[in-house]
Amino acid sequence: MPDEELLTSGEVARRLGVTPRAVGRWVARGLLTPAVTTPGGRYRFRWSEVETQLREQGERPEV
């Protein structure tokens, strides 16, 4: 959804009960794809896309 709020790595991590560093590792390993990467290299996610990507993984990736 284009109008959906963009979440930071920290906000995604909080919802999943992991650290922001874990979310960054998942992106680096290709397990999560951010909706946007800022010019400063920060990731922004749409929660619906995170849910879909994790569902496609079959489970939450290892931390």
Protein backbone atom coordinates (compact mmCIF):
# COMPACT_ATOMS: atom_id res chain seq x y z
CA MET A 1 0.00 0.00 0.00
CA PRO A 2 1.59 3.27 -1.05
CA ASP A 3 -0.20 5.29 1.67
CA GLU A 4 0.91 2.96 4.45
CA GLU A 5 3.17 4.49 7.10
CA LEU A 6 6.88 3.78 6.72
CA LEU A 7 8.50 2.20 9.76
CA THR A 8 12.13 2.39 10.88
CA SER A 9 14.22 -0.70 11.56
CA GLY A 10 13.72 -0.04 15.27
CA GLU A 11 9.94 0.05 14.94
CA VAL A 12 9.92 -3.20 12.93
CA ALA A 13 12.27 -4.79 15.47
CA ARG A 14 10.00 -3.75 18.35
CA ARG A 15 6.96 -5.31 16.67
CA LEU A 16 8.88 -8.55 16.09
CA GLY A 17 10.60 -8.66 19.47
CA VAL A 18 14.13 -8.55 18.05
CA THR A 19 16.90 -5.95 17.92
CA PRO A 20 17.25 -3.35 15.14
CA ARG A 21 20.60 -4.95 14.36
CA ALA A 22 18.81 -8.25 13.63
CA VAL A 23 16.55 -6.48 11.14
CA GLY A 24 19.63 -4.97 9.46
CA ARG A 25 21.23 -8.43 9.24
CA TRP A 26 18.09 -9.84 7.62
CA VAL A 27 18.24 -7.08 5.01
CA ALA A 28 21.95 -7.76 4.39
CA ARG A 29 21.20 -11.48 3.95
CA GLY A 30 18.33 -10.76 1.55
CA LEU A 31 15.65 -12.07 3.92
CA LEU A 32 13.87 -8.70 4.15
CA THR A 33 13.66 -5.99 1.53
CA PRO A 34 13.01 -2.44 2.72
CA ALA A 35 10.44 -0.30 0.91
CA VAL A 36 12.93 2.58 0.92
CA THR A 37 16.59 3.07 1.69
CA THR A 38 17.30 6.68 2.62
CA PRO A 39 20.28 8.58 1.18
CA GLY A 40 21.92 8.05 4.58
CA GLY A 41 21.56 4.27 4.25
CA ARG A 42 18.67 3.88 6.72
CA TYR A 43 15.89 1.42 5.95
CA ARG A 44 12.16 2.12 5.95
CA PHE A 45 9.58 -0.64 5.81
CA ARG A 46 5.86 -1.06 5.23
CA TRP A 47 4.49 -3.41 7.88
CA SER A 48 2.27 -5.25 5.38
CA GLU A 49 5.34 -5.98 3.23
CA VAL A 50 7.33 -7.19 6.26
CA GLU A 51 4.49 -9.56 7.17
CA THR A 52 4.29 -10.88 3.60
CA GLN A 53 8.05 -11.38 3.33
CA LEU A 54 8.23 -13.20 6.67
CA ARG A 55 5.24 -15.37 5.76
CA GLU A 56 7.00 -16.33 2.50
CA GLN A 57 10.04 -17.32 4.57
CA GLY A 58 7.80 -19.75 6.44
CA GLU A 59 8.87 -18.35 9.80
CA ARG A 60 10.89 -15.54 11.33
CA PRO A 61 14.53 -15.68 10.21
CA GLU A 62 17.15 -16.57 12.79
CA VAL A 63 18.43 -13.61 14.77
